[in-house]
Amino acid sequence: MIEATIPVRNEVGLHARPAALFVKTAAKFSSTIKVKNLTTNGNFVDAKSIIMVLTLGVMKDHEVVIQSEGADADAALDALRALIENNFGEA
């Protein structure tokens, strides 16, 4: 299992469109991927479930921890890190 802690700089956090993009990206991989809101010390949830990701309540400047385990774990973590660090593709 690999893990990364990443700050979320998006103005709306991990809500609505950013959450949908996050889940869509996670779903591309066969690895088990979990995410939690480190700032609120929440529990890990399935990163491939939009409902579960939305329950995290990730706001701007919160930190998330992403865990990935499986054959494509590195690629999955890299893709999700890039998505968050690139502000979900927004200018």
C-alpha atoms as a PDB file:
ATOM      1  CA  MET A   1       0.000   0.000   0.000  1.00  0.00           C
ATOM      2  CA  ILE A   2       1.178   3.485  -0.805  1.00  0.00           C
ATOM      3  CA  GLU A   3      -0.081   6.742   0.650  1.00  0.00           C
ATOM      4  CA  ALA A   4       0.137  10.474   0.027  1.00  0.00           C
ATOM      5  CA  THR A   5      -1.038  13.563   1.904  1.00  0.00           C
ATOM      6  CA  ILE A   6      -2.137  16.347  -0.420  1.00  0.00           C
ATOM      7  CA  PRO A   7      -3.523  19.836   0.312  1.00  0.00           C
ATOM      8  CA  VAL A   8      -6.681  20.798  -1.593  1.00  0.00           C
ATOM      9  CA  ARG A   9      -6.436  24.358  -2.952  1.00  0.00           C
ATOM     10  CA  ASN A  10      -9.630  24.342  -5.032  1.00  0.00           C
ATOM     11  CA  GLU A  11     -12.061  27.115  -4.019  1.00  0.00           C
ATOM     12  CA  VAL A  12     -14.942  24.669  -3.455  1.00  0.00           C
ATOM     13  CA  GLY A  13     -12.784  21.898  -2.029  1.00  0.00           C
ATOM     14  CA  LEU A  14     -13.752  18.377  -3.009  1.00  0.00           C
ATOM     15  CA  HIS A  15     -17.398  19.101  -3.771  1.00  0.00           C
ATOM     16  CA  ALA A  16     -19.642  18.729  -6.841  1.00  0.00           C
ATOM     17  CA  ARG A  17     -17.554  18.887 -10.040  1.00  0.00           C
ATOM     18  CA  PRO A  18     -14.133  18.331  -8.400  1.00  0.00           C
ATOM     19  CA  ALA A  19     -15.496  15.346  -6.471  1.00  0.00           C
ATOM     20  CA  ALA A  20     -16.975  13.892  -9.665  1.00  0.00           C
ATOM     21  CA  LEU A  21     -13.624  14.264 -11.449  1.00  0.00           C
ATOM     22  CA  PHE A  22     -11.838  12.693  -8.489  1.00  0.00           C
ATOM     23  CA  VAL A  23     -14.146   9.655  -8.473  1.00  0.00           C
ATOM     24  CA  LYS A  24     -14.020   9.331 -12.279  1.00  0.00           C
ATOM     25  CA  THR A  25     -10.224   9.315 -12.157  1.00  0.00           C
ATOM     26  CA  ALA A  26     -10.105   6.781  -9.310  1.00  0.00           C
ATOM     27  CA  ALA A  27     -12.525   4.495 -11.161  1.00  0.00           C
ATOM     28  CA  LYS A  28     -10.060   4.142 -14.052  1.00  0.00           C
ATOM     29  CA  PHE A  29      -7.801   1.985 -11.891  1.00  0.00           C
ATOM     30  CA  SER A  30      -8.197  -1.560 -10.622  1.00  0.00           C
ATOM     31  CA  SER A  31      -6.430  -0.816  -7.329  1.00  0.00           C
ATOM     32  CA  THR A  32      -8.319  -0.282  -4.094  1.00  0.00           C
ATOM     33  CA  ILE A  33      -8.245   3.458  -3.415  1.00  0.00           C
ATOM     34  CA  LYS A  34      -9.312   5.110  -0.172  1.00  0.00           C
ATOM     35  CA  VAL A  35      -9.336   8.767   0.828  1.00  0.00           C
ATOM     36  CA  LYS A  36      -9.868  10.634   4.081  1.00  0.00           C
ATOM     37  CA  ASN A  37     -10.006  14.237   5.231  1.00  0.00           C
ATOM     38  CA  LEU A  38      -6.939  14.603   7.444  1.00  0.00           C
ATOM     39  CA  THR A  39      -7.935  18.101   8.547  1.00  0.00           C
ATOM     40  CA  THR A  40     -11.141  16.878  10.193  1.00  0.00           C
ATOM     41  CA  ASN A  41      -9.595  13.522  11.170  1.00  0.00           C
ATOM     42  CA  GLY A  42     -12.333  11.658   9.317  1.00  0.00           C
ATOM     43  CA  ASN A  43     -12.415   7.994   8.358  1.00  0.00           C
ATOM     44  CA  PHE A  44     -11.182   6.513   5.106  1.00  0.00           C
ATOM     45  CA  VAL A  45     -13.863   6.076   2.431  1.00  0.00           C
ATOM     46  CA  ASP A  46     -13.974   4.447  -0.988  1.00  0.00           C
ATOM     47  CA  ALA A  47     -12.498   6.932  -3.478  1.00  0.00           C
ATOM     48  CA  LYS A  48     -14.623   5.408  -6.252  1.00  0.00           C
ATOM     49  CA  SER A  49     -17.924   6.361  -4.576  1.00  0.00           C
ATOM     50  CA  ILE A  50     -19.202   9.897  -5.199  1.00  0.00           C
ATOM     51  CA  ILE A  51     -21.518   9.723  -2.181  1.00  0.00           C
ATOM     52  CA  MET A  52     -18.708   8.639   0.137  1.00  0.00           C
ATOM     53  CA  VAL A  53     -16.280  11.271  -1.192  1.00  0.00           C
ATOM     54  CA  LEU A  54     -18.870  14.012  -0.698  1.00  0.00           C
ATOM     55  CA  THR A  55     -19.388  12.929   2.936  1.00  0.00           C
ATOM     56  CA  LEU A  56     -15.769  13.855   3.689  1.00  0.00           C
ATOM     57  CA  GLY A  57     -16.609  17.562   3.664  1.00  0.00           C
ATOM     58  CA  VAL A  58     -13.255  18.555   2.155  1.00  0.00           C
ATOM     59  CA  MET A  59     -13.030  22.335   1.936  1.00  0.00           C
ATOM     60  CA  LYS A  60     -10.375  24.653   0.508  1.00  0.00           C
ATOM     61  CA  ASP A  61      -7.026  24.233   2.310  1.00  0.00           C
ATOM     62  CA  HIS A  62      -7.979  20.908   3.915  1.00  0.00           C
ATOM     63  CA  GLU A  63      -5.506  18.056   3.541  1.00  0.00           C
ATOM     64  CA  VAL A  64      -6.542  14.660   2.230  1.00  0.00           C
ATOM     65  CA  VAL A  65      -4.758  11.340   2.610  1.00  0.00           C
ATOM     66  CA  ILE A  66      -5.056   8.957  -0.317  1.00  0.00           C
ATOM     67  CA  GLN A  67      -4.169   5.273   0.035  1.00  0.00           C
ATOM     68  CA  SER A  68      -3.826   2.991  -2.960  1.00  0.00           C
ATOM     69  CA  GLU A  69      -3.179  -0.739  -3.071  1.00  0.00           C
ATOM     70  CA  GLY A  70      -3.016  -3.030  -6.076  1.00  0.00           C
ATOM     71  CA  ALA A  71      -1.367  -3.636  -9.425  1.00  0.00           C
ATOM     72  CA  ASP A  72      -1.688  -0.031 -10.618  1.00  0.00           C
ATOM     73  CA  ALA A  73      -1.447   1.663  -7.212  1.00  0.00           C
ATOM     74  CA  ASP A  74       1.430   3.967  -8.211  1.00  0.00           C
ATOM     75  CA  ALA A  75      -0.311   5.155 -11.368  1.00  0.00           C
ATOM     76  CA  ALA A  76      -3.576   5.699  -9.482  1.00  0.00           C
ATOM     77  CA  LEU A  77      -1.933   7.760  -6.772  1.00  0.00           C
ATOM     78  CA  ASP A  78       0.039   9.779  -9.334  1.00  0.00           C
ATOM     79  CA  ALA A  79      -3.120  10.536 -11.324  1.00  0.00           C
ATOM     80  CA  LEU A  80      -5.119  11.633  -8.280  1.00  0.00           C
ATOM     81  CA  ARG A  81      -2.235  13.726  -6.946  1.00  0.00           C
ATOM     82  CA  ALA A  82      -1.883  15.461 -10.342  1.00  0.00           C
ATOM     83  CA  LEU A  83      -5.642  16.104 -10.504  1.00  0.00           C
ATOM     84  CA  ILE A  84      -5.657  17.781  -7.082  1.00  0.00           C
ATOM     85  CA  GLU A  85      -2.391  19.681  -7.563  1.00  0.00           C
ATOM     86  CA  ASN A  86      -3.613  20.968 -10.948  1.00  0.00           C
ATOM     87  CA  ASN A  87      -6.760  22.300  -9.253  1.00  0.00           C
ATOM     88  CA  PHE A  88      -8.988  19.777 -11.036  1.00  0.00           C
ATOM     89  CA  GLY A  89      -8.138  21.262 -14.425  1.00  0.00           C
ATOM     90  CA  GLU A  90      -9.455  24.733 -13.668  1.00  0.00           C
ATOM     91  CA  ALA A  91      -7.606  27.827 -14.776  1.00  0.00           C
END
